[in-house]
Amino acid sequence: MAEIHFIVEQAPEGGYLARAVGVDIFTEGDDLQSLHAQVRDAVHCHFDAGTGPDIIRLHITREEVLTA
């Protein structure tokens, strides 16, 4: 596996939620720096040594609501 993709969203209660695409990995972090560490740890725990991805790609989405 060359790379793994995560969809990252802001959690309603604060922080961030990350869900892998095509693999059952889910994690969260209080800020982006801690999320990066949590995602790396989750990927390393999920895959056996030498079988994991070389690249972790995060797709971060943010929703904003404006009054008209």
Protein backbone atom coordinates (compact mmCIF):
# COMPACT_ATOMS: atom_id res chain seq x y z
CA MET A 1 0.00 0.00 0.00
CA ALA A 2 1.57 3.27 -1.12
CA GLU A 3 -0.68 5.68 0.76
CA ILE A 4 -3.74 5.88 2.97
CA HIS A 5 -6.34 8.66 2.96
CA PHE A 6 -8.15 10.08 5.96
CA ILE A 7 -11.19 12.36 5.97
CA VAL A 8 -10.81 14.84 8.84
CA GLU A 9 -13.71 16.84 10.25
CA GLN A 10 -14.04 19.22 13.15
CA ALA A 11 -15.88 17.56 16.03
CA PRO A 12 -19.00 19.37 17.32
CA GLU A 13 -17.60 19.31 20.87
CA GLY A 14 -14.18 20.53 19.72
CA GLY A 15 -11.12 18.86 18.28
CA TYR A 16 -10.91 16.74 15.14
CA LEU A 17 -12.16 13.34 13.98
CA ALA A 18 -10.25 11.32 11.37
CA ARG A 19 -11.66 8.35 9.44
CA ALA A 20 -9.62 6.30 6.98
CA VAL A 21 -11.04 5.64 3.51
CA GLY A 22 -11.28 1.92 2.70
CA VAL A 23 -9.69 0.79 5.98
CA ASP A 24 -11.30 0.49 9.42
CA ILE A 25 -9.25 3.13 11.23
CA PHE A 26 -10.82 5.94 13.24
CA THR A 27 -9.11 8.33 15.64
CA GLU A 28 -9.42 11.82 17.10
CA GLY A 29 -7.29 14.64 18.50
CA ASP A 30 -7.77 17.88 20.40
CA ASP A 31 -5.82 19.89 17.82
CA LEU A 32 -4.13 19.23 14.48
CA GLN A 33 -0.74 18.50 16.04
CA SER A 34 -2.16 15.83 18.36
CA LEU A 35 -4.31 14.49 15.52
CA HIS A 36 -1.19 13.95 13.40
CA ALA A 37 0.36 11.89 16.22
CA GLN A 38 -2.85 9.92 16.77
CA VAL A 39 -3.24 9.14 13.05
CA ARG A 40 0.37 7.93 12.77
CA ASP A 41 -0.05 5.76 15.88
CA ALA A 42 -3.34 4.29 14.62
CA VAL A 43 -1.81 3.44 11.22
CA HIS A 44 1.24 1.80 12.81
CA CYS A 45 -1.00 -0.24 15.14
CA HIS A 46 -3.31 -1.34 12.31
CA PHE A 47 -0.69 -2.65 9.87
CA ASP A 48 2.06 -5.21 10.40
CA ALA A 49 5.64 -3.99 10.07
CA GLY A 50 6.55 -3.39 6.43
CA THR A 51 2.98 -3.67 5.13
CA GLY A 52 1.67 -0.19 5.96
CA PRO A 53 1.49 2.84 3.72
CA ASP A 54 4.45 5.08 2.92
CA ILE A 55 2.28 8.23 2.93
CA ILE A 56 -0.64 9.32 5.09
CA ARG A 57 -2.84 11.89 3.34
CA LEU A 58 -5.30 13.99 5.38
CA HIS A 59 -8.25 15.66 3.67
CA ILE A 60 -9.41 18.29 6.16
CA THR A 61 -12.93 19.67 5.77
CA ARG A 62 -14.34 22.67 7.58
CA GLU A 63 -17.90 23.88 7.54
CA GLU A 64 -18.91 27.48 8.10
CA VAL A 65 -22.41 28.91 8.24
CA LEU A 66 -23.01 32.56 7.34
CA THR A 67 -26.16 34.57 7.73
CA ALA A 68 -27.56 35.91 4.48
